[in-house]
């Protein structure tokens, strides 16, 4: 079994200036190829530290993929350091230089002389053509080890990887790794760990719980000689999970609750409208983040003030007086009011205290009510996050509200 390490080069990564999506992409693709990634390493643009990271990676891994630091500026040192540590000399390659020159000519821009630095490639190595930028990828193999250098921009990196690196690494591929995420709402990571303690100790497939904002998931992963066999193994475990906690599952391999809810609404041919207080339009925003949302999203209002709840949604002044704005009764009237006003099939509402301070009545931050109203169906959920974090409470409230749509469509309409 080949062991792979991903080496991300760039001081900007360590400063948090950019998100390292390359590592996520490469890790997933290596899993598809049946190559195990054991290490992720990030290192800045420092010659000594980069050299040390390369030596360490080559000592413990069969494949090292380095991204970033292939540009034309003095701090772009990846090719120089990696080739030196792996025992390869850099040499000027005219064919690569011609392609870099042609890239600038095609854009009608004069090429800085510094870009010719990118035409120096490892002698005895393989040049991996970059059709979207000036920095070519590079591949080197020696003594059973493989070192691949890729440019940092994700679009360039992924294109070179798919076209050139996948076939370049064909000899290291062994079987397939398949992984699925079982997304849950309303059950904690610790509860999942307790419920599936018998599965967490398995070696193949493996099951691992993870905590997300306001939700938790189980990742099921299997390795087999073929993708089909690995898929069969994961599905067997997922069925066991469904049998135990099916009421908490909102989707498989969904990114979030809106990613589950919008396709289900489209399949059902239903529309939704939202009435939001403490989330300030976040539910509507998350719905419309999903492509195709225009077919299901009808209307949305933000009703922060009580007089707006009365005027726009028809919430009873007596309800507000007797129970308060943050109450089950108000949440239900908001959901009914927005469905009535918009003509949507489903009304969705949220009202609560996002925090960080308690309200004038002493109610704690994180006390939130979400409600759904549809023909012949109304439901409200009380949420108590116990946290004074405004962003966390708002995001959790929106997630739980969207989950009401998923639950309604699954349980009432059998979607």
Protein backbone atom coordinates (compact mmCIF):
# COMPACT_ATOMS: atom_id res chain seq x y z
CA UNK A 1 0.00 0.00 0.00
CA UNK A 2 1.46 3.34 -1.08
CA UNK A 3 1.64 6.08 1.53
CA UNK A 4 1.17 9.65 0.37
CA UNK A 5 1.98 13.00 1.95
CA UNK A 6 0.64 16.37 0.81
CA UNK A 7 3.09 19.24 1.33
CA UNK A 8 1.54 22.70 1.06
CA UNK A 9 4.06 25.49 0.56
CA UNK A 10 3.37 29.16 1.26
CA UNK A 11 3.67 31.55 4.17
CA UNK A 12 0.19 32.85 3.33
CA UNK A 13 -1.22 29.49 4.41
CA UNK A 14 0.39 29.74 7.83
CA UNK A 15 -0.88 33.30 8.27
CA UNK A 16 -4.43 32.20 7.46
CA UNK A 17 -4.68 34.59 4.53
CA UNK A 18 -6.06 31.90 2.23
CA UNK A 19 -7.98 28.66 2.72
CA UNK A 20 -6.03 25.55 1.75
CA UNK A 21 -8.57 23.89 -0.55
CA UNK A 22 -5.83 22.07 -2.49
CA UNK A 23 -5.21 19.64 0.37
CA UNK A 24 -8.90 18.80 0.62
CA UNK A 25 -9.17 18.24 -3.13
CA UNK A 26 -6.05 16.08 -3.34
CA UNK A 27 -6.99 14.01 -0.29
CA UNK A 28 -10.35 13.15 -1.82
CA UNK A 29 -8.84 12.29 -5.18
CA UNK A 30 -6.19 10.05 -3.63
CA UNK A 31 -8.93 8.22 -1.76
CA UNK A 32 -10.67 7.64 -5.08
CA UNK A 33 -7.42 6.20 -6.42
CA UNK A 34 -6.91 3.85 -3.47
CA UNK A 35 -3.81 5.73 -2.26
CA UNK A 36 -3.70 6.45 1.46
CA UNK A 37 -2.82 9.97 2.58
CA UNK A 38 -1.13 9.69 5.99
CA UNK A 39 0.21 13.22 6.40
CA UNK A 40 -0.69 16.84 5.65
CA UNK A 41 2.16 19.31 6.10
CA UNK A 42 2.16 23.08 5.64
CA UNK A 43 5.39 25.05 5.54
CA UNK A 44 6.30 28.64 4.75
CA UNK A 45 8.60 30.06 2.09
CA UNK A 46 11.74 29.48 4.12
CA UNK A 47 14.58 27.44 2.56
CA UNK A 48 15.70 25.64 5.74
CA UNK A 49 12.22 24.76 6.96
CA UNK A 50 11.06 23.71 3.52
CA UNK A 51 14.13 21.51 3.07
CA UNK A 52 13.46 19.87 6.41
CA UNK A 53 9.82 19.26 5.54
CA UNK A 54 10.80 17.67 2.22
CA UNK A 55 13.37 15.38 3.87
CA UNK A 56 10.86 14.28 6.49
CA UNK A 57 8.17 13.64 3.88
CA UNK A 58 10.47 11.58 1.67
CA UNK A 59 11.66 9.53 4.66
CA UNK A 60 8.17 8.35 5.61
CA UNK A 61 6.08 8.45 2.44
CA UNK A 62 6.19 6.80 -0.99
CA UNK A 63 4.53 9.74 -2.75
CA UNK A 64 5.00 13.40 -1.89
CA UNK A 65 2.81 16.00 -3.59
CA UNK A 66 3.97 19.58 -3.08
CA UNK A 67 1.72 22.49 -4.06
CA UNK A 68 2.65 26.15 -4.28
CA UNK A 69 5.88 28.07 -4.59
CA UNK A 70 6.43 27.53 -8.33
CA UNK A 71 6.02 31.16 -9.32
CA UNK A 72 8.64 33.54 -10.80
CA UNK A 73 9.46 35.60 -7.69
CA UNK A 74 12.46 35.13 -5.37
CA UNK A 75 10.36 33.61 -2.59
CA UNK A 76 9.12 30.85 -4.93
CA UNK A 77 11.65 28.20 -3.94
CA UNK A 78 9.74 24.92 -4.12
CA UNK A 79 11.33 23.57 -7.31
CA UNK A 80 14.87 24.45 -6.22
CA UNK A 81 14.59 22.99 -2.71
CA UNK A 82 12.57 19.89 -3.61
CA UNK A 83 14.83 18.92 -6.51
CA UNK A 84 17.96 19.41 -4.43
CA UNK A 85 16.63 17.27 -1.57
CA UNK A 86 15.51 14.52 -3.97
CA UNK A 87 18.78 14.52 -5.89
CA UNK A 88 17.67 16.11 -9.17
CA UNK A 89 19.32 19.00 -11.00
CA UNK A 90 17.30 21.82 -12.51
CA UNK A 91 17.94 22.58 -16.17
CA UNK A 92 16.55 25.13 -18.59
CA UNK A 93 13.96 23.62 -20.92
CA UNK A 94 13.41 25.56 -24.15
CA UNK A 95 10.10 23.87 -24.92
CA UNK A 96 8.72 24.97 -21.57
CA UNK A 97 10.12 28.49 -22.07
CA UNK A 98 8.41 28.70 -25.46
CA UNK A 99 5.07 27.73 -23.91
CA UNK A 100 5.45 30.36 -21.20
CA UNK A 101 6.27 32.99 -23.83
CA UNK A 102 3.29 31.92 -25.95
CA UNK A 103 1.03 32.24 -22.90
CA UNK A 104 1.87 35.94 -22.58
CA UNK A 105 1.66 36.57 -26.32
CA UNK A 106 -1.84 35.08 -26.39
CA UNK A 107 -2.86 37.54 -23.69
CA UNK A 108 -1.24 40.47 -25.47
CA UNK A 109 0.97 41.17 -22.46
CA UNK A 110 4.72 41.62 -22.38
CA UNK A 111 6.39 38.78 -20.48
CA UNK A 112 8.58 39.75 -17.51
CA UNK A 113 12.00 38.14 -17.82
CA UNK A 114 11.55 36.68 -14.34
CA UNK A 115 8.96 34.23 -15.69
CA UNK A 116 11.70 32.30 -17.46
CA UNK A 117 12.62 31.01 -14.00
CA UNK A 118 9.62 28.72 -14.43
CA UNK A 119 11.28 27.08 -17.44
CA UNK A 120 13.84 25.36 -15.19
CA UNK A 121 12.68 21.77 -14.70
CA UNK A 122 14.25 18.63 -13.15
CA UNK A 123 16.76 16.89 -15.41
CA UNK A 124 15.53 13.33 -15.88
CA UNK A 125 12.09 14.24 -14.57
CA UNK A 126 8.75 14.74 -16.28
CA UNK A 127 7.23 18.11 -17.19
CA UNK A 128 3.47 18.25 -16.52
CA UNK A 129 1.98 20.84 -18.87
CA UNK A 130 -0.05 23.70 -17.44
CA UNK A 131 -2.51 25.07 -20.01
CA UNK A 132 -4.03 27.60 -17.59
CA UNK A 133 -0.91 29.29 -16.23
CA UNK A 134 2.84 29.68 -16.61
CA UNK A 135 4.14 27.29 -13.94
CA UNK A 136 4.37 23.70 -15.21
CA UNK A 137 3.98 20.76 -12.87
CA UNK A 138 6.97 18.47 -12.37
CA UNK A 139 7.26 14.77 -11.62
CA UNK A 140 10.30 12.84 -10.36
CA UNK A 141 10.73 9.15 -9.51
CA UNK A 142 13.71 7.61 -7.77
CA UNK A 143 14.37 4.52 -5.64
CA UNK A 144 10.69 3.64 -5.42
CA UNK A 145 9.74 7.17 -4.31
CA UNK A 146 7.78 9.76 -6.25
CA UNK A 147 7.83 13.54 -5.87
CA UNK A 148 5.31 15.70 -7.73
CA UNK A 149 5.32 19.51 -7.74
CA UNK A 150 2.14 21.39 -8.64
CA UNK A 151 1.30 25.11 -8.85
CA UNK A 152 -0.70 26.63 -6.01
CA UNK A 153 -3.72 28.16 -7.82
CA UNK A 154 -6.47 25.52 -7.40
CA UNK A 155 -7.75 25.72 -10.99
CA UNK A 156 -4.26 25.12 -12.39
CA UNK A 157 -3.41 22.47 -9.82
CA UNK A 158 -6.55 20.38 -10.36
CA UNK A 159 -6.29 20.50 -14.16
CA UNK A 160 -2.69 19.26 -14.10
CA UNK A 161 -3.57 16.61 -11.54
CA UNK A 162 -6.44 15.16 -13.56
CA UNK A 163 -4.67 15.25 -16.93
CA UNK A 164 -1.17 14.28 -15.94
CA UNK A 165 -0.69 13.21 -12.33
CA UNK A 166 -3.40 10.53 -12.26
CA UNK A 167 -1.77 8.52 -15.07
CA UNK A 168 1.71 9.35 -13.74
CA UNK A 169 0.84 7.61 -10.45
CA UNK A 170 -0.88 4.59 -12.00
CA UNK A 171 1.72 2.16 -10.62
CA UNK A 172 0.90 3.19 -7.05
CA UNK A 173 -2.84 2.62 -7.27
CA UNK A 174 -4.23 -0.31 -5.30
CA UNK A 175 -7.93 -0.92 -5.11
CA UNK A 176 -10.28 1.85 -4.09
CA UNK A 177 -11.36 3.79 -1.04
CA UNK A 178 -15.01 4.88 -0.74
CA UNK A 179 -16.26 7.25 1.93
CA UNK A 180 -19.73 8.57 2.76
CA UNK A 181 -20.96 11.09 5.32
CA UNK A 182 -24.18 10.41 7.25
CA UNK A 183 -25.38 13.88 8.29
CA UNK A 184 -27.51 14.17 11.43
CA UNK A 185 -29.42 16.89 13.27
CA UNK A 186 -30.61 16.79 16.86
CA UNK A 187 -28.13 14.22 18.18
CA UNK A 188 -24.69 15.07 19.55
CA UNK A 189 -21.31 13.70 18.53
CA UNK A 190 -20.93 12.08 21.96
CA UNK A 191 -24.32 10.40 21.64
CA UNK A 192 -23.31 9.07 18.25
CA UNK A 193 -20.08 7.70 19.72
CA UNK A 194 -22.04 5.91 22.43
CA UNK A 195 -24.69 4.58 20.06
CA UNK A 196 -22.13 3.20 17.61
CA UNK A 197 -19.32 2.17 19.94
CA UNK A 198 -19.39 -1.30 18.37
CA UNK A 199 -18.73 0.14 14.90
CA UNK A 200 -16.09 2.71 15.85
CA UNK A 201 -13.51 0.03 16.56
CA UNK A 202 -13.82 -1.53 13.08
CA UNK A 203 -10.80 -1.46 10.77
CA UNK A 204 -12.56 -1.88 7.43
CA UNK A 205 -15.04 -0.30 7.08
CA UNK A 206 -14.24 2.44 9.57
CA UNK A 207 -16.83 4.65 11.25
CA UNK A 208 -15.92 7.97 12.85
CA UNK A 209 -18.12 10.68 14.43
CA UNK A 210 -17.47 14.36 13.79
CA UNK A 211 -18.97 17.53 15.22
CA UNK A 212 -20.13 20.38 12.99
CA UNK A 213 -21.85 23.66 13.87
CA UNK A 214 -25.18 22.63 15.37
CA UNK A 215 -25.02 19.09 14.02
CA UNK A 216 -22.92 15.92 13.87
CA UNK A 217 -22.01 13.34 11.27
CA UNK A 218 -20.69 9.82 10.91
CA UNK A 219 -18.09 9.19 8.22
CA UNK A 220 -18.11 5.63 6.88
CA UNK A 221 -15.04 4.57 4.89
CA UNK A 222 -14.15 1.26 3.25
CA UNK A 223 -11.18 -0.02 1.25
CA UNK A 224 -11.54 -2.84 -1.28
CA UNK A 225 -10.10 -4.17 -4.53
CA UNK A 226 -12.79 -2.35 -6.49
CA UNK A 227 -14.91 0.75 -6.00
CA UNK A 228 -18.03 -1.42 -6.33
CA UNK A 229 -16.99 -3.68 -3.46
CA UNK A 230 -16.00 -0.73 -1.27
CA UNK A 231 -19.36 0.89 -2.01
CA UNK A 232 -21.20 -2.30 -1.01
CA UNK A 233 -19.28 -2.42 2.27
CA UNK A 234 -20.13 1.19 3.15
CA UNK A 235 -23.80 0.77 2.28
CA UNK A 236 -24.11 -2.20 4.63
CA UNK A 237 -22.87 -0.05 7.50
CA UNK A 238 -25.06 2.91 6.49
CA UNK A 239 -28.12 0.65 6.65
CA UNK A 240 -27.18 -0.30 10.21
CA UNK A 241 -26.89 3.39 11.06
CA UNK A 242 -30.27 4.12 9.50
CA UNK A 243 -31.83 1.36 11.55
CA UNK A 244 -30.63 2.87 14.81
CA UNK A 245 -30.91 6.66 14.34
CA UNK A 246 -32.90 7.11 11.14
CA UNK A 247 -35.06 9.85 12.63
CA UNK A 248 -31.98 12.07 13.09
CA UNK A 249 -30.54 11.61 9.60
CA UNK A 250 -31.24 14.43 7.18
CA UNK A 251 -29.04 13.28 4.32
CA UNK A 252 -26.11 11.31 3.00
CA UNK A 253 -23.15 13.25 1.57
CA UNK A 254 -25.02 16.55 1.86
CA UNK A 255 -22.99 19.66 2.58
CA UNK A 256 -25.66 21.07 4.90
CA UNK A 257 -29.41 21.14 5.51
CA UNK A 258 -30.18 23.46 2.60
CA UNK A 259 -28.30 21.09 0.30
CA UNK A 260 -30.77 18.41 1.41
CA UNK A 261 -33.93 20.54 1.56
CA UNK A 262 -33.87 22.33 -1.81
CA UNK A 263 -33.62 19.18 -4.01
CA UNK A 264 -36.37 17.55 -1.93
CA UNK A 265 -38.62 20.59 -2.41
CA UNK A 266 -37.97 20.49 -6.15
CA UNK A 267 -38.77 16.80 -6.27
CA UNK A 268 -42.01 17.41 -4.40
CA UNK A 269 -42.87 20.44 -6.54
CA UNK A 270 -43.40 22.60 -3.45
CA UNK A 271 -42.50 26.17 -2.57
CA UNK A 272 -41.38 27.73 0.71
CA UNK A 273 -41.49 31.20 2.24
CA UNK A 274 -39.57 32.39 5.28
CA UNK A 275 -40.24 34.74 8.19
CA UNK A 276 -37.13 35.46 10.22
CA UNK A 277 -36.36 37.41 13.32
CA UNK A 278 -33.05 36.58 15.03
CA UNK A 279 -31.48 35.02 11.92
CA UNK A 280 -31.92 38.22 9.92
CA UNK A 281 -32.45 36.59 6.53
CA UNK A 282 -29.88 33.80 6.93
CA UNK A 283 -32.40 31.05 6.14
CA UNK A 284 -33.43 32.73 2.90
CA UNK A 285 -29.79 33.32 2.04
CA UNK A 286 -28.86 29.69 2.59
CA UNK A 287 -31.80 28.44 0.51
CA UNK A 288 -30.89 30.72 -2.39
CA UNK A 289 -27.24 29.64 -2.18
CA UNK A 290 -28.35 26.34 -3.76
CA UNK A 291 -28.63 26.23 -7.58
CA UNK A 292 -32.25 25.78 -8.62
CA UNK A 293 -33.63 27.55 -5.55
CA UNK A 294 -35.69 29.87 -7.76
CA UNK A 295 -38.06 26.96 -8.39
CA UNK A 296 -38.84 26.54 -4.69
CA UNK A 297 -38.23 29.85 -2.88
CA UNK A 298 -41.28 32.09 -2.96
CA UNK A 299 -40.87 34.92 -0.48
CA UNK A 300 -38.92 36.02 2.58
CA UNK A 301 -39.33 38.71 5.22
CA UNK A 302 -37.26 39.84 8.19
CA UNK A 303 -39.56 40.80 11.06
CA UNK A 304 -37.27 41.94 13.86
CA UNK A 305 -39.68 44.37 15.48
CA UNK A 306 -42.94 43.23 17.06
CA UNK A 307 -44.99 45.78 15.14
CA UNK A 308 -43.63 44.31 11.90
CA UNK A 309 -44.62 40.82 13.01
CA UNK A 310 -48.14 42.14 13.52
CA UNK A 311 -48.32 44.21 10.33
CA UNK A 312 -46.56 41.86 7.90
CA UNK A 313 -47.47 38.45 9.28
CA UNK A 314 -50.67 39.01 11.20
CA UNK A 315 -49.19 37.86 14.51
CA UNK A 316 -51.68 38.63 17.27
CA UNK A 317 -50.78 41.47 19.63
CA UNK A 318 -52.31 39.37 22.40
CA UNK A 319 -49.94 36.51 21.57
CA UNK A 320 -46.99 38.84 21.80
CA UNK A 321 -48.30 40.29 25.06
CA UNK A 322 -49.13 36.97 26.70
CA UNK A 323 -46.21 34.83 25.49
CA UNK A 324 -43.57 37.21 24.17
CA UNK A 325 -41.86 37.46 20.80
CA UNK A 326 -39.65 34.49 21.61
CA UNK A 327 -42.20 31.75 22.11
CA UNK A 328 -43.70 28.73 20.42
CA UNK A 329 -46.97 30.59 19.94
CA UNK A 330 -45.31 33.49 18.12
CA UNK A 331 -43.17 31.19 15.97
CA UNK A 332 -46.23 29.25 14.85
CA UNK A 333 -48.20 32.41 14.00
CA UNK A 334 -45.20 33.69 12.03
CA UNK A 335 -45.04 30.48 9.98
CA UNK A 336 -48.77 30.54 9.32
CA UNK A 337 -48.67 34.25 8.47
CA UNK A 338 -45.87 33.99 5.91
CA UNK A 339 -47.50 31.00 4.22
CA UNK A 340 -50.79 32.87 4.02
CA UNK A 341 -49.22 36.09 2.76
CA UNK A 342 -46.90 34.51 0.18
CA UNK A 343 -49.12 31.74 -1.12
CA UNK A 344 -46.27 29.28 -0.65
CA UNK A 345 -46.87 25.64 0.17
CA UNK A 346 -44.69 25.83 3.26
CA UNK A 347 -44.14 28.62 5.76
CA UNK A 348 -40.95 28.58 7.80
CA UNK A 349 -40.21 30.85 10.75
CA UNK A 350 -37.63 31.54 13.43
CA UNK A 351 -37.65 33.75 16.51
CA UNK A 352 -35.19 33.78 19.38
CA UNK A 353 -32.31 35.34 21.27
CA UNK A 354 -29.07 35.08 19.37
CA UNK A 355 -27.09 36.74 22.16
CA UNK A 356 -24.61 37.35 23.50
CA UNK A 357 -26.66 39.16 26.16
CA UNK A 358 -29.82 37.96 27.84
CA UNK A 359 -33.06 39.75 26.95
CA UNK A 360 -34.85 42.16 29.25
CA UNK A 361 -36.89 39.30 30.73
CA UNK A 362 -33.77 37.37 31.62
CA UNK A 363 -34.19 34.72 28.94
CA UNK A 364 -30.85 33.21 27.99
CA UNK A 365 -29.07 33.54 24.64
CA UNK A 366 -29.56 30.49 22.47
CA UNK A 367 -33.27 30.14 23.28
CA UNK A 368 -34.84 29.89 19.83
CA UNK A 369 -38.07 28.59 18.30
CA UNK A 370 -38.37 27.39 14.71
CA UNK A 371 -41.71 26.50 13.17
CA UNK A 372 -43.11 25.08 9.95
CA UNK A 373 -46.63 25.34 8.58
CA UNK A 374 -48.08 23.45 5.62
CA UNK A 375 -51.50 22.25 4.61
CA UNK A 376 -52.80 20.17 7.50
CA UNK A 377 -49.44 20.24 9.29
CA UNK A 378 -47.83 22.55 11.84
CA UNK A 379 -44.81 21.89 14.04
CA UNK A 380 -42.55 23.93 16.27
CA UNK A 381 -39.19 23.06 17.81
CA UNK A 382 -37.63 24.67 20.85
CA UNK A 383 -33.85 25.06 20.71
CA UNK A 384 -31.60 25.78 23.68
CA UNK A 385 -27.99 25.94 22.54
CA UNK A 386 -26.65 27.04 25.93
CA UNK A 387 -24.10 29.24 24.16
CA UNK A 388 -23.47 32.98 24.15
CA UNK A 389 -22.11 32.95 20.60
CA UNK A 390 -24.29 35.00 18.27
CA UNK A 391 -23.03 33.53 14.98
CA UNK A 392 -23.26 29.98 16.31
CA UNK A 393 -26.84 30.50 17.52
CA UNK A 394 -27.96 32.10 14.28
CA UNK A 395 -26.40 29.41 12.11
CA UNK A 396 -27.79 26.62 14.29
CA UNK A 397 -31.27 28.16 14.23
CA UNK A 398 -31.21 28.37 10.43
CA UNK A 399 -30.02 24.77 10.17
CA UNK A 400 -32.73 23.49 12.48
CA UNK A 401 -35.39 25.44 10.60
CA UNK A 402 -34.26 23.99 7.28
CA UNK A 403 -34.22 20.56 8.86
CA UNK A 404 -37.93 20.99 9.60
CA UNK A 405 -38.50 21.02 5.84
CA UNK A 406 -36.52 17.80 5.42
CA UNK A 407 -38.40 16.09 8.26
CA UNK A 408 -41.77 17.20 6.93
CA UNK A 409 -41.05 15.99 3.41
CA UNK A 410 -39.65 12.66 4.66
CA UNK A 411 -42.24 11.81 7.29
CA UNK A 412 -45.43 13.43 5.99
CA UNK A 413 -44.97 13.28 2.22
CA UNK A 414 -42.55 10.30 2.06
CA UNK A 415 -40.15 12.12 -0.28
